[in-house]
Amino acid sequence: AGKPAKIAFSEATTPTVLYLLSPECKWCERNEANLRALAVQTSGRFRIIGLSRTTTGLVSYLAERQYPFPVYAARDDQIGRTLGVTGIPHTIVVSSDGHVLKIWGGAYQNTWSRELETYFDIKLPGLSPGEG
């Protein structure tokens, strides 16, 4: 909504999953079904928050997708620099005391897919087909 917000991990009763994305990221688009499955299947056990690395095109992107969790725009890629994360998508699990518990880089495929399914005790549908 264009208003500043602060993510307070200590206010959450469950660990927080930060999902770094961008409206123009093709891998984020291909990973969308997996992300939705993660959000639905971990409901009540994890708090999911999306963080876009840009505001460009974000409003229409979110209007089209209607994610079942809030999505914010990170200021100046502060999250990426703070955590040493490059590229998107990235999935980061943070405890309620602010400690990073786990980081996965990239879309949920191959080894990452199996590791995420085990870590969260979920079943993922797989990636959507890519273009070209």
C-alpha atoms as a PDB file:
ATOM      1  CA  ALA A   1       0.000   0.000   0.000  1.00  0.00           C
ATOM      2  CA  GLY A   2       3.057   2.245  -0.127  1.00  0.00           C
ATOM      3  CA  LYS A   3       3.253   2.705   3.628  1.00  0.00           C
ATOM      4  CA  PRO A   4       6.394   1.841   5.628  1.00  0.00           C
ATOM      5  CA  ALA A   5       6.153  -1.378   7.639  1.00  0.00           C
ATOM      6  CA  LYS A   6       8.467  -3.180  10.006  1.00  0.00           C
ATOM      7  CA  ILE A   7       8.608  -6.957  10.299  1.00  0.00           C
ATOM      8  CA  ALA A   8       8.938  -7.835  13.988  1.00  0.00           C
ATOM      9  CA  PHE A   9       9.974 -11.450  14.396  1.00  0.00           C
ATOM     10  CA  SER A  10       9.456 -11.309  18.167  1.00  0.00           C
ATOM     11  CA  GLU A  11       5.750 -10.569  17.665  1.00  0.00           C
ATOM     12  CA  ALA A  12       5.227 -13.842  15.808  1.00  0.00           C
ATOM     13  CA  THR A  13       4.248 -16.964  17.726  1.00  0.00           C
ATOM     14  CA  THR A  14       5.742 -19.150  14.996  1.00  0.00           C
ATOM     15  CA  PRO A  15       8.897 -18.954  12.856  1.00  0.00           C
ATOM     16  CA  THR A  16       8.692 -16.617   9.863  1.00  0.00           C
ATOM     17  CA  VAL A  17       9.345 -17.685   6.283  1.00  0.00           C
ATOM     18  CA  LEU A  18      10.598 -14.778   4.175  1.00  0.00           C
ATOM     19  CA  TYR A  19      10.190 -15.387   0.456  1.00  0.00           C
ATOM     20  CA  LEU A  20      12.247 -12.990  -1.676  1.00  0.00           C
ATOM     21  CA  LEU A  21      10.706 -12.415  -5.082  1.00  0.00           C
ATOM     22  CA  SER A  22      10.351  -9.904  -7.883  1.00  0.00           C
ATOM     23  CA  PRO A  23       7.491  -9.279 -10.339  1.00  0.00           C
ATOM     24  CA  GLU A  24       9.779  -9.795 -13.345  1.00  0.00           C
ATOM     25  CA  CYS A  25      11.384 -13.001 -12.003  1.00  0.00           C
ATOM     26  CA  LYS A  26      10.512 -15.951 -14.267  1.00  0.00           C
ATOM     27  CA  TRP A  27      11.694 -18.487 -11.678  1.00  0.00           C
ATOM     28  CA  CYS A  28       9.395 -16.865  -9.097  1.00  0.00           C
ATOM     29  CA  GLU A  29       6.536 -17.306 -11.550  1.00  0.00           C
ATOM     30  CA  ARG A  30       7.426 -20.954 -12.185  1.00  0.00           C
ATOM     31  CA  ASN A  31       7.690 -21.533  -8.415  1.00  0.00           C
ATOM     32  CA  GLU A  32       4.296 -19.966  -7.624  1.00  0.00           C
ATOM     33  CA  ALA A  33       2.367 -23.239  -7.137  1.00  0.00           C
ATOM     34  CA  ASN A  34       5.074 -24.473  -4.770  1.00  0.00           C
ATOM     35  CA  LEU A  35       4.955 -21.227  -2.804  1.00  0.00           C
ATOM     36  CA  ARG A  36       1.178 -21.425  -2.485  1.00  0.00           C
ATOM     37  CA  ALA A  37       1.446 -25.067  -1.331  1.00  0.00           C
ATOM     38  CA  LEU A  38       4.043 -24.031   1.251  1.00  0.00           C
ATOM     39  CA  ALA A  39       1.761 -21.280   2.577  1.00  0.00           C
ATOM     40  CA  VAL A  40      -1.344 -23.479   2.754  1.00  0.00           C
ATOM     41  CA  GLN A  41       0.324 -26.596   4.166  1.00  0.00           C
ATOM     42  CA  THR A  42       2.302 -24.739   6.848  1.00  0.00           C
ATOM     43  CA  SER A  43      -0.587 -22.527   7.986  1.00  0.00           C
ATOM     44  CA  GLY A  44      -0.504 -22.172  11.763  1.00  0.00           C
ATOM     45  CA  ARG A  45       3.045 -23.540  11.975  1.00  0.00           C
ATOM     46  CA  PHE A  46       4.888 -20.784  10.069  1.00  0.00           C
ATOM     47  CA  ARG A  47       4.164 -17.161   9.210  1.00  0.00           C
ATOM     48  CA  ILE A  48       4.802 -16.523   5.485  1.00  0.00           C
ATOM     49  CA  ILE A  49       5.846 -13.060   4.286  1.00  0.00           C
ATOM     50  CA  GLY A  50       6.770 -12.139   0.728  1.00  0.00           C
ATOM     51  CA  LEU A  51       9.441  -9.520   0.112  1.00  0.00           C
ATOM     52  CA  SER A  52       9.764  -8.009  -3.332  1.00  0.00           C
ATOM     53  CA  ARG A  53      13.167  -6.630  -4.236  1.00  0.00           C
ATOM     54  CA  THR A  54      11.461  -3.928  -6.331  1.00  0.00           C
ATOM     55  CA  THR A  55       8.299  -1.843  -6.401  1.00  0.00           C
ATOM     56  CA  THR A  56       8.262  -1.794 -10.213  1.00  0.00           C
ATOM     57  CA  GLY A  57       5.125  -3.584 -11.358  1.00  0.00           C
ATOM     58  CA  LEU A  58       4.436  -4.887  -7.845  1.00  0.00           C
ATOM     59  CA  VAL A  59       0.876  -3.578  -7.455  1.00  0.00           C
ATOM     60  CA  SER A  60      -0.425  -5.250 -10.637  1.00  0.00           C
ATOM     61  CA  TYR A  61       1.647  -8.393  -9.938  1.00  0.00           C
ATOM     62  CA  LEU A  62       0.021  -8.786  -6.519  1.00  0.00           C
ATOM     63  CA  ALA A  63      -3.462  -7.949  -7.831  1.00  0.00           C
ATOM     64  CA  GLU A  64      -3.154 -10.799 -10.354  1.00  0.00           C
ATOM     65  CA  ARG A  65      -1.849 -13.355  -7.886  1.00  0.00           C
ATOM     66  CA  GLN A  66      -3.792 -12.697  -4.664  1.00  0.00           C
ATOM     67  CA  TYR A  67      -1.237 -14.487  -2.481  1.00  0.00           C
ATOM     68  CA  PRO A  68      -2.573 -15.901   0.810  1.00  0.00           C
ATOM     69  CA  PHE A  69       0.088 -13.938   2.753  1.00  0.00           C
ATOM     70  CA  PRO A  70       1.308 -10.340   2.871  1.00  0.00           C
ATOM     71  CA  VAL A  71       3.940  -9.115   0.410  1.00  0.00           C
ATOM     72  CA  TYR A  72       6.077  -6.060   1.089  1.00  0.00           C
ATOM     73  CA  ALA A  73       8.674  -4.209  -0.955  1.00  0.00           C
ATOM     74  CA  ALA A  74      12.129  -4.324   0.638  1.00  0.00           C
ATOM     75  CA  ARG A  75      13.862  -0.980   0.667  1.00  0.00           C
ATOM     76  CA  ASP A  76      17.052  -0.738  -1.417  1.00  0.00           C
ATOM     77  CA  ASP A  77      17.637  -4.515  -1.342  1.00  0.00           C
ATOM     78  CA  GLN A  78      18.437  -4.179   2.353  1.00  0.00           C
ATOM     79  CA  ILE A  79      17.380  -7.777   3.020  1.00  0.00           C
ATOM     80  CA  GLY A  80      19.709  -9.161   0.359  1.00  0.00           C
ATOM     81  CA  ARG A  81      22.699  -7.232   1.679  1.00  0.00           C
ATOM     82  CA  THR A  82      21.955  -7.999   5.323  1.00  0.00           C
ATOM     83  CA  LEU A  83      21.695 -11.749   4.716  1.00  0.00           C
ATOM     84  CA  GLY A  84      24.270 -11.960   1.952  1.00  0.00           C
ATOM     85  CA  VAL A  85      21.586 -13.207  -0.441  1.00  0.00           C
ATOM     86  CA  THR A  86      21.963 -12.721  -4.164  1.00  0.00           C
ATOM     87  CA  GLY A  87      19.406 -13.675  -6.751  1.00  0.00           C
ATOM     88  CA  ILE A  88      15.769 -14.589  -6.413  1.00  0.00           C
ATOM     89  CA  PRO A  89      13.753 -16.421  -5.394  1.00  0.00           C
ATOM     90  CA  HIS A  90      15.140 -17.111  -1.929  1.00  0.00           C
ATOM     91  CA  THR A  91      13.394 -18.709   1.029  1.00  0.00           C
ATOM     92  CA  ILE A  92      14.615 -17.793   4.512  1.00  0.00           C
ATOM     93  CA  VAL A  93      13.305 -19.188   7.805  1.00  0.00           C
ATOM     94  CA  VAL A  94      13.735 -16.872  10.792  1.00  0.00           C
ATOM     95  CA  SER A  95      12.977 -17.809  14.413  1.00  0.00           C
ATOM     96  CA  SER A  96      10.851 -15.582  16.651  1.00  0.00           C
ATOM     97  CA  ASP A  97      14.070 -14.401  18.324  1.00  0.00           C
ATOM     98  CA  GLY A  98      15.428 -13.219  14.966  1.00  0.00           C
ATOM     99  CA  HIS A  99      17.909 -16.007  14.191  1.00  0.00           C
ATOM    100  CA  VAL A 100      18.155 -17.299  10.638  1.00  0.00           C
ATOM    101  CA  LEU A 101      17.385 -21.006  10.792  1.00  0.00           C
ATOM    102  CA  LYS A 102      17.584 -21.972   7.120  1.00  0.00           C
ATOM    103  CA  ILE A 103      18.132 -20.448   3.668  1.00  0.00           C
ATOM    104  CA  TRP A 104      17.299 -21.953   0.288  1.00  0.00           C
ATOM    105  CA  GLY A 105      18.334 -20.173  -2.898  1.00  0.00           C
ATOM    106  CA  GLY A 106      16.307 -20.616  -6.045  1.00  0.00           C
ATOM    107  CA  ALA A 107      13.086 -22.264  -7.091  1.00  0.00           C
ATOM    108  CA  TYR A 108      11.874 -25.433  -5.414  1.00  0.00           C
ATOM    109  CA  GLN A 109      13.267 -28.148  -7.662  1.00  0.00           C
ATOM    110  CA  ASN A 110      15.430 -31.250  -7.369  1.00  0.00           C
ATOM    111  CA  THR A 111      17.371 -31.323  -4.065  1.00  0.00           C
ATOM    112  CA  TRP A 112      15.760 -28.107  -2.764  1.00  0.00           C
ATOM    113  CA  SER A 113      12.285 -29.516  -3.344  1.00  0.00           C
ATOM    114  CA  ARG A 114      12.989 -32.674  -1.366  1.00  0.00           C
ATOM    115  CA  GLU A 115      14.736 -30.726   1.396  1.00  0.00           C
ATOM    116  CA  LEU A 116      11.849 -28.247   1.706  1.00  0.00           C
ATOM    117  CA  GLU A 117       9.294 -31.063   1.811  1.00  0.00           C
ATOM    118  CA  THR A 118      11.210 -32.735   4.636  1.00  0.00           C
ATOM    119  CA  TYR A 119      11.923 -29.535   6.579  1.00  0.00           C
ATOM    120  CA  PHE A 120       8.323 -28.272   6.468  1.00  0.00           C
ATOM    121  CA  ASP A 121       6.646 -31.729   6.355  1.00  0.00           C
ATOM    122  CA  ILE A 122       4.711 -30.834   3.195  1.00  0.00           C
ATOM    123  CA  LYS A 123       4.194 -32.065  -0.373  1.00  0.00           C
ATOM    124  CA  LEU A 124       5.061 -29.699  -3.232  1.00  0.00           C
ATOM    125  CA  PRO A 125       3.366 -29.823  -6.669  1.00  0.00           C
ATOM    126  CA  GLY A 126       6.510 -28.951  -8.659  1.00  0.00           C
ATOM    127  CA  LEU A 127       7.464 -26.101 -10.963  1.00  0.00           C
ATOM    128  CA  SER A 128       5.221 -24.714 -13.670  1.00  0.00           C
ATOM    129  CA  PRO A 129       6.626 -25.201 -17.182  1.00  0.00           C
ATOM    130  CA  GLY A 130       9.014 -22.497 -18.324  1.00  0.00           C
ATOM    131  CA  GLU A 131       8.815 -20.487 -21.500  1.00  0.00           C
ATOM    132  CA  GLY A 132      10.804 -21.472 -24.556  1.00  0.00           C
END
